[in-house]
Each structure stands twice: as structure tokens, then as C-alpha cells.
Amino acid sequence: MVVVGSVDIELDLIGWLQAKAGPGVVVRDEVDNNLLAELPTVQVQRIPAGGDDGFRLDRALVDIDVYAATRGTAFELALLIRGWLLAELPGSQTTRAVYGRVTSSPPPAVRPYENTGLRRVGATYQIYSHPVS
């Protein structure tokens, strides 16, 4: 039996992006008080929008924010992530999900953040997926 929404897209994308980004980057779902010591950090969060077909297909909207010490570093990593998501995620499969179409709207842009000791660049992605059989 397939359960609608059975793929935790945050968890799946965190693992996928961490493998792409490598050991110098922290990829997580929440930021904490230790953020300044863990730069660059990528935050992956599904936002309460999107939808599903009631059977298997999920259309998730996912915010991905990059926190870094400089604007340039944040943009560089955000653009790498955008490239990976748009070019490599569609048609791929993890142990949890099969991925289809991926779009970015808006593309990476500066997002305000209250801590002036770091910079935040983020984008929103629409990602189609379904659970692995």
C-alpha cells in the first residue's frame, strides 16, 4: 500500500545535497545557535504549499537557504545547488524517491537575516517526486 506523502522530501534532499556538497558544508533542516561555527550551512525546508495527486505524485515546494560568512560564498554555493537540482535531480532515484521535474522560482537571491555576521541566499524549488515502489 502506498501512503500519500510517504517521502520525507526534506530528509531525502538533505542526504542527496550533503553527498554533493561534501564534508565542508553542513546540510540540515533547522539552524541553531551554533550556526556561526558551522558555515557554510544549507537549510532545506518544505513549505506548506504544493500538493499531490492523492495517489503517488508529490509536488513539493522547498526553500533552500545557504548561510555563509560572505555574500559571494553564499551565492556561489546557492548557484551550485541550483545547478545540481535542475540538471541532476530530475530522472534520479534515491532509496526513498524517484524525482521528476524540478523548477526554481525565484532563483537564488539575497534574503534578509538578523545576524549581520553572516549572509543568507535562498531559492524556492518545485520538485515532483514519488516514492520508490
N, C-alpha and C. Protein backbone atom coordinates (compact mmCIF):
# COMPACT_ATOMS: atom_id res chain seq x y z
N MET A 1 0.84 -1.18 0.00
CA MET A 1 0.00 0.00 0.00
C MET A 1 0.89 1.24 0.00
N VAL A 2 0.58 2.20 -0.84
CA VAL A 2 1.32 3.46 -0.90
C VAL A 2 0.60 4.49 -0.05
N VAL A 3 1.33 5.15 0.81
CA VAL A 3 0.78 6.20 1.65
C VAL A 3 1.13 7.53 1.01
N VAL A 4 0.11 8.38 0.78
CA VAL A 4 0.35 9.69 0.18
C VAL A 4 1.28 10.49 1.09
N GLY A 5 2.27 11.12 0.48
CA GLY A 5 3.21 11.92 1.27
C GLY A 5 4.21 11.08 2.03
N SER A 6 4.40 9.83 1.60
CA SER A 6 5.26 8.93 2.35
C SER A 6 6.75 9.25 2.21
N VAL A 7 7.11 10.12 1.26
CA VAL A 7 8.51 10.51 1.11
C VAL A 7 8.76 11.78 1.92
N ASP A 8 9.67 11.71 2.85
CA ASP A 8 10.09 12.91 3.59
C ASP A 8 11.11 13.62 2.71
N ILE A 9 10.63 14.57 1.92
CA ILE A 9 11.50 15.20 0.92
C ILE A 9 12.63 15.97 1.58
N GLU A 10 12.39 16.55 2.76
CA GLU A 10 13.48 17.24 3.46
C GLU A 10 14.61 16.27 3.77
N LEU A 11 14.28 15.17 4.39
CA LEU A 11 15.28 14.17 4.77
C LEU A 11 16.01 13.65 3.54
N ASP A 12 15.27 13.36 2.48
CA ASP A 12 15.88 12.82 1.27
C ASP A 12 16.81 13.84 0.61
N LEU A 13 16.36 15.08 0.48
CA LEU A 13 17.20 16.11 -0.14
C LEU A 13 18.42 16.45 0.71
N ILE A 14 18.28 16.41 2.03
CA ILE A 14 19.43 16.68 2.89
C ILE A 14 20.54 15.67 2.60
N GLY A 15 20.20 14.40 2.55
CA GLY A 15 21.20 13.38 2.25
C GLY A 15 21.79 13.53 0.86
N TRP A 16 20.94 13.83 -0.12
CA TRP A 16 21.39 13.97 -1.51
C TRP A 16 22.32 15.18 -1.65
N LEU A 17 21.90 16.31 -1.06
CA LEU A 17 22.73 17.52 -1.16
C LEU A 17 24.03 17.39 -0.36
N GLN A 18 23.98 16.72 0.79
CA GLN A 18 25.19 16.54 1.58
C GLN A 18 26.22 15.74 0.80
N ALA A 19 25.77 14.71 0.09
CA ALA A 19 26.69 13.91 -0.73
C ALA A 19 27.30 14.76 -1.85
N LYS A 20 26.51 15.66 -2.43
CA LYS A 20 27.00 16.53 -3.50
C LYS A 20 27.96 17.58 -2.96
N ALA A 21 27.61 18.19 -1.84
CA ALA A 21 28.38 19.33 -1.31
C ALA A 21 29.69 18.90 -0.65
N GLY A 22 29.71 17.72 -0.07
CA GLY A 22 30.93 17.23 0.57
C GLY A 22 31.05 17.63 2.02
N PRO A 23 32.15 17.23 2.65
CA PRO A 23 32.30 17.37 4.10
C PRO A 23 32.47 18.80 4.62
N GLY A 24 32.80 19.76 3.78
CA GLY A 24 32.99 21.13 4.25
C GLY A 24 31.72 21.92 4.42
N VAL A 25 30.58 21.31 4.08
CA VAL A 25 29.29 22.00 4.11
C VAL A 25 28.35 21.23 5.03
N VAL A 26 27.60 21.95 5.86
CA VAL A 26 26.59 21.33 6.71
C VAL A 26 25.24 21.49 6.01
N VAL A 27 24.50 20.39 5.85
CA VAL A 27 23.16 20.43 5.26
C VAL A 27 22.20 19.91 6.30
N ARG A 28 21.15 20.72 6.60
CA ARG A 28 20.24 20.36 7.69
C ARG A 28 18.87 20.95 7.46
N ASP A 29 17.92 20.58 8.33
CA ASP A 29 16.57 21.11 8.22
C ASP A 29 16.34 22.33 9.11
N GLU A 30 17.08 22.47 10.17
CA GLU A 30 16.92 23.61 11.08
C GLU A 30 18.29 24.20 11.40
N VAL A 31 18.32 25.50 11.61
CA VAL A 31 19.55 26.12 12.07
C VAL A 31 19.44 26.31 13.57
N ASP A 32 20.60 26.37 14.25
CA ASP A 32 20.58 26.50 15.70
C ASP A 32 21.57 27.58 16.14
N ASN A 33 21.81 27.67 17.42
CA ASN A 33 22.69 28.69 17.98
C ASN A 33 24.15 28.50 17.60
N ASN A 34 24.50 27.37 17.03
CA ASN A 34 25.87 27.07 16.64
C ASN A 34 26.14 27.42 15.17
N LEU A 35 25.22 28.14 14.54
CA LEU A 35 25.29 28.39 13.10
C LEU A 35 26.60 29.05 12.68
N LEU A 36 27.07 30.05 13.40
CA LEU A 36 28.30 30.75 13.02
C LEU A 36 29.52 29.83 13.00
N ALA A 37 29.48 28.76 13.78
CA ALA A 37 30.61 27.82 13.82
C ALA A 37 30.49 26.74 12.75
N GLU A 38 29.38 26.73 12.01
CA GLU A 38 29.13 25.67 11.03
C GLU A 38 28.92 26.21 9.62
N LEU A 39 29.60 27.27 9.28
CA LEU A 39 29.43 27.86 7.95
C LEU A 39 30.34 27.19 6.94
N PRO A 40 29.92 26.99 5.72
CA PRO A 40 28.58 27.28 5.22
C PRO A 40 27.58 26.19 5.63
N THR A 41 26.35 26.64 5.83
CA THR A 41 25.25 25.75 6.19
C THR A 41 24.15 25.91 5.15
N VAL A 42 23.58 24.79 4.75
CA VAL A 42 22.45 24.77 3.83
C VAL A 42 21.24 24.28 4.60
N GLN A 43 20.16 25.07 4.56
CA GLN A 43 18.93 24.69 5.25
C GLN A 43 17.88 24.30 4.21
N VAL A 44 17.30 23.11 4.39
CA VAL A 44 16.28 22.58 3.48
C VAL A 44 14.96 22.51 4.24
N GLN A 45 13.93 23.21 3.71
CA GLN A 45 12.63 23.20 4.38
C GLN A 45 11.50 23.12 3.37
N ARG A 46 10.64 22.12 3.54
CA ARG A 46 9.42 22.08 2.74
C ARG A 46 8.48 23.14 3.27
N ILE A 47 7.88 23.90 2.36
CA ILE A 47 6.96 24.94 2.80
C ILE A 47 5.53 24.44 2.60
N PRO A 48 4.58 24.98 3.36
CA PRO A 48 3.20 24.47 3.31
C PRO A 48 2.46 24.95 2.06
N ALA A 49 2.86 24.43 0.94
CA ALA A 49 2.22 24.69 -0.35
C ALA A 49 2.56 23.52 -1.25
N GLY A 50 2.13 23.58 -2.48
CA GLY A 50 2.37 22.46 -3.39
C GLY A 50 1.16 21.56 -3.36
N GLY A 51 1.36 20.28 -3.48
CA GLY A 51 0.24 19.36 -3.47
C GLY A 51 0.63 17.98 -3.92
N ASP A 52 -0.37 17.14 -4.10
CA ASP A 52 -0.14 15.78 -4.58
C ASP A 52 -1.35 15.35 -5.38
N ASP A 53 -1.25 14.20 -6.01
CA ASP A 53 -2.36 13.71 -6.84
C ASP A 53 -3.28 12.76 -6.06
N GLY A 54 -3.04 12.61 -4.77
CA GLY A 54 -3.86 11.72 -3.96
C GLY A 54 -3.51 10.26 -4.11
N PHE A 55 -2.51 9.99 -4.91
CA PHE A 55 -2.11 8.60 -5.12
C PHE A 55 -0.62 8.42 -4.86
N ARG A 56 0.24 8.95 -5.77
CA ARG A 56 1.68 8.76 -5.61
C ARG A 56 2.49 10.02 -5.87
N LEU A 57 2.05 10.87 -6.77
CA LEU A 57 2.85 12.01 -7.21
C LEU A 57 2.77 13.16 -6.21
N ASP A 58 3.93 13.62 -5.78
CA ASP A 58 4.03 14.74 -4.84
C ASP A 58 4.65 15.93 -5.57
N ARG A 59 4.08 17.10 -5.39
CA ARG A 59 4.63 18.34 -5.95
C ARG A 59 4.97 19.24 -4.78
N ALA A 60 6.19 19.10 -4.29
CA ALA A 60 6.63 19.82 -3.09
C ALA A 60 7.23 21.17 -3.45
N LEU A 61 6.98 22.17 -2.63
CA LEU A 61 7.71 23.43 -2.70
C LEU A 61 8.70 23.42 -1.56
N VAL A 62 9.98 23.62 -1.91
CA VAL A 62 11.06 23.50 -0.95
C VAL A 62 11.92 24.76 -0.98
N ASP A 63 12.09 25.39 0.18
CA ASP A 63 13.01 26.51 0.31
C ASP A 63 14.39 25.97 0.67
N ILE A 64 15.40 26.45 -0.03
CA ILE A 64 16.78 26.08 0.29
C ILE A 64 17.56 27.36 0.50
N ASP A 65 18.02 27.55 1.73
CA ASP A 65 18.80 28.73 2.11
C ASP A 65 20.24 28.34 2.38
N VAL A 66 21.15 29.18 1.92
CA VAL A 66 22.58 28.99 2.18
C VAL A 66 23.03 30.11 3.11
N TYR A 67 23.66 29.75 4.21
CA TYR A 67 24.23 30.70 5.16
C TYR A 67 25.75 30.60 5.04
N ALA A 68 26.40 31.75 4.87
CA ALA A 68 27.86 31.76 4.73
C ALA A 68 28.40 33.06 5.30
N ALA A 69 29.72 33.11 5.46
CA ALA A 69 30.36 34.29 6.03
C ALA A 69 30.33 35.47 5.09
N THR A 70 30.31 35.21 3.77
CA THR A 70 30.29 36.31 2.80
C THR A 70 29.16 36.09 1.80
N ARG A 71 28.73 37.18 1.20
CA ARG A 71 27.69 37.13 0.18
C ARG A 71 28.16 36.29 -1.02
N GLY A 72 29.40 36.47 -1.42
CA GLY A 72 29.93 35.72 -2.55
C GLY A 72 29.92 34.23 -2.33
N THR A 73 30.34 33.80 -1.14
CA THR A 73 30.34 32.37 -0.81
C THR A 73 28.93 31.81 -0.79
N ALA A 74 28.00 32.58 -0.22
CA ALA A 74 26.60 32.13 -0.16
C ALA A 74 26.02 31.99 -1.56
N PHE A 75 26.27 32.99 -2.42
CA PHE A 75 25.76 32.92 -3.80
C PHE A 75 26.39 31.76 -4.57
N GLU A 76 27.69 31.58 -4.43
CA GLU A 76 28.37 30.51 -5.15
C GLU A 76 27.78 29.15 -4.83
N LEU A 77 27.57 28.88 -3.54
CA LEU A 77 27.01 27.60 -3.14
C LEU A 77 25.55 27.48 -3.56
N ALA A 78 24.78 28.56 -3.43
CA ALA A 78 23.37 28.54 -3.84
C ALA A 78 23.24 28.25 -5.34
N LEU A 79 24.13 28.81 -6.14
CA LEU A 79 24.09 28.56 -7.58
C LEU A 79 24.52 27.13 -7.93
N LEU A 80 25.48 26.60 -7.18
CA LEU A 80 25.85 25.19 -7.36
C LEU A 80 24.66 24.28 -7.07
N ILE A 81 24.00 24.56 -5.96
CA ILE A 81 22.84 23.75 -5.57
C ILE A 81 21.75 23.85 -6.63
N ARG A 82 21.50 25.05 -7.13
CA ARG A 82 20.51 25.23 -8.19
C ARG A 82 20.87 24.37 -9.40
N GLY A 83 22.13 24.39 -9.80
CA GLY A 83 22.57 23.58 -10.93
C GLY A 83 22.36 22.09 -10.69
N TRP A 84 22.72 21.62 -9.49
CA TRP A 84 22.52 20.21 -9.17
C TRP A 84 21.05 19.83 -9.23
N LEU A 85 20.21 20.67 -8.62
CA LEU A 85 18.79 20.35 -8.57
C LEU A 85 18.14 20.36 -9.95
N LEU A 86 18.47 21.35 -10.77
CA LEU A 86 17.83 21.46 -12.08
C LEU A 86 18.39 20.48 -13.10
N ALA A 87 19.68 20.17 -13.01
CA ALA A 87 20.31 19.33 -14.03
C ALA A 87 20.46 17.86 -13.63
N GLU A 88 20.63 17.59 -12.34
CA GLU A 88 20.95 16.22 -11.92
C GLU A 88 19.84 15.50 -11.16
N LEU A 89 18.98 16.26 -10.45
CA LEU A 89 17.93 15.59 -9.67
C LEU A 89 16.84 14.99 -10.55
N PRO A 90 16.35 15.69 -11.59
CA PRO A 90 15.30 15.09 -12.43
C PRO A 90 15.77 13.78 -13.08
N GLY A 91 14.94 12.76 -12.94
CA GLY A 91 15.30 11.46 -13.50
C GLY A 91 16.14 10.60 -12.58
N SER A 92 16.52 11.15 -11.42
CA SER A 92 17.34 10.35 -10.50
C SER A 92 16.46 9.63 -9.48
N GLN A 93 17.08 8.72 -8.77
CA GLN A 93 16.38 7.94 -7.75
C GLN A 93 17.27 7.78 -6.54
N THR A 94 16.69 7.93 -5.37
CA THR A 94 17.38 7.64 -4.11
C THR A 94 16.75 6.37 -3.54
N THR A 95 17.11 6.01 -2.34
CA THR A 95 16.48 4.84 -1.73
C THR A 95 15.03 5.10 -1.36
N ARG A 96 14.64 6.39 -1.27
CA ARG A 96 13.28 6.75 -0.87
C ARG A 96 12.38 7.21 -2.01
N ALA A 97 12.95 7.91 -3.02
CA ALA A 97 12.12 8.60 -4.00
C ALA A 97 12.69 8.54 -5.41
N VAL A 98 11.78 8.70 -6.36
CA VAL A 98 12.12 8.90 -7.76
C VAL A 98 11.74 10.35 -8.07
N TYR A 99 12.66 11.08 -8.69
CA TYR A 99 12.45 12.50 -8.93
C TYR A 99 12.16 12.78 -10.39
N GLY A 100 11.23 13.71 -10.59
CA GLY A 100 10.86 14.17 -11.93
C GLY A 100 11.26 15.62 -12.10
N ARG A 101 10.35 16.38 -12.60
CA ARG A 101 10.58 17.79 -12.93
C ARG A 101 10.98 18.61 -11.70
N VAL A 102 11.94 19.52 -11.92
CA VAL A 102 12.36 20.47 -10.87
C VAL A 102 12.43 21.85 -11.51
N THR A 103 11.81 22.82 -10.86
CA THR A 103 11.90 24.21 -11.31
C THR A 103 12.30 25.08 -10.14
N SER A 104 12.79 26.27 -10.47
CA SER A 104 13.23 27.23 -9.45
C SER A 104 12.51 28.55 -9.65
N SER A 105 11.77 28.99 -8.63
CA SER A 105 11.09 30.28 -8.71
C SER A 105 10.80 30.77 -7.30
N PRO A 106 11.48 31.76 -6.83
CA PRO A 106 12.50 32.53 -7.53
C PRO A 106 13.85 31.82 -7.47
N PRO A 107 14.76 32.19 -8.38
CA PRO A 107 16.12 31.66 -8.32
C PRO A 107 16.86 32.25 -7.12
N PRO A 108 18.09 31.81 -6.86
CA PRO A 108 18.81 32.32 -5.69
C PRO A 108 18.88 33.85 -5.64
N ALA A 109 18.59 34.36 -4.45
CA ALA A 109 18.62 35.80 -4.20
C ALA A 109 18.94 36.03 -2.73
N VAL A 110 19.43 37.21 -2.43
CA VAL A 110 19.72 37.57 -1.03
C VAL A 110 18.41 37.60 -0.25
N ARG A 111 18.43 36.98 0.91
CA ARG A 111 17.29 37.01 1.83
C ARG A 111 17.78 37.63 3.13
N PRO A 112 16.96 38.47 3.72
CA PRO A 112 17.40 39.13 4.96
C PRO A 112 17.61 38.12 6.09
N TYR A 113 18.53 38.48 6.97
CA TYR A 113 18.79 37.67 8.15
C TYR A 113 19.26 38.60 9.25
N GLU A 114 18.78 38.37 10.45
CA GLU A 114 19.04 39.32 11.55
C GLU A 114 20.48 39.34 12.04
N ASN A 115 21.25 38.31 11.79
CA ASN A 115 22.65 38.28 12.23
C ASN A 115 23.52 38.89 11.14
N THR A 116 24.12 40.03 11.42
CA THR A 116 24.94 40.71 10.42
C THR A 116 26.31 40.04 10.24
N GLY A 117 26.61 39.01 11.01
CA GLY A 117 27.88 38.30 10.89
C GLY A 117 27.87 37.24 9.81
N LEU A 118 26.76 37.09 9.11
CA LEU A 118 26.70 36.12 8.03
C LEU A 118 25.74 36.60 6.96
N ARG A 119 25.74 35.90 5.84
CA ARG A 119 24.87 36.23 4.72
C ARG A 119 24.00 35.03 4.38
N ARG A 120 22.79 35.34 3.89
CA ARG A 120 21.81 34.31 3.55
C ARG A 120 21.35 34.51 2.11
N VAL A 121 21.45 33.45 1.31
CA VAL A 121 20.97 33.46 -0.07
C VAL A 121 20.06 32.24 -0.21
N GLY A 122 18.87 32.45 -0.76
CA GLY A 122 17.94 31.34 -0.86
C GLY A 122 17.15 31.32 -2.15
N ALA A 123 16.54 30.18 -2.39
CA ALA A 123 15.68 29.97 -3.56
C ALA A 123 14.57 29.00 -3.19
N THR A 124 13.51 29.03 -3.97
CA THR A 124 12.41 28.10 -3.78
C THR A 124 12.32 27.20 -5.01
N TYR A 125 12.16 25.92 -4.74
CA TYR A 125 12.12 24.92 -5.82
C TYR A 125 10.80 24.15 -5.76
N GLN A 126 10.26 23.88 -6.93
CA GLN A 126 9.12 22.98 -7.05
C GLN A 126 9.68 21.65 -7.53
N ILE A 127 9.45 20.61 -6.74
CA ILE A 127 10.08 19.32 -7.02
C ILE A 127 9.00 18.23 -7.07
N TYR A 128 8.93 17.56 -8.20
CA TYR A 128 7.99 16.44 -8.36
C TYR A 128 8.72 15.14 -8.00
N SER A 129 8.04 14.33 -7.20
CA SER A 129 8.63 13.04 -6.82
C SER A 129 7.52 12.05 -6.52
N HIS A 130 7.92 10.79 -6.45
CA HIS A 130 7.03 9.76 -5.94
C HIS A 130 7.87 8.72 -5.22
N PRO A 131 7.26 8.01 -4.29
CA PRO A 131 8.01 7.01 -3.54
C PRO A 131 8.53 5.91 -4.45
N VAL A 132 9.66 5.34 -4.06
CA VAL A 132 10.18 4.16 -4.74
C VAL A 132 9.17 3.04 -4.46
N SER A 133 8.84 2.30 -5.47
CA SER A 133 7.82 1.24 -5.35
C SER A 133 7.76 0.74 -3.97
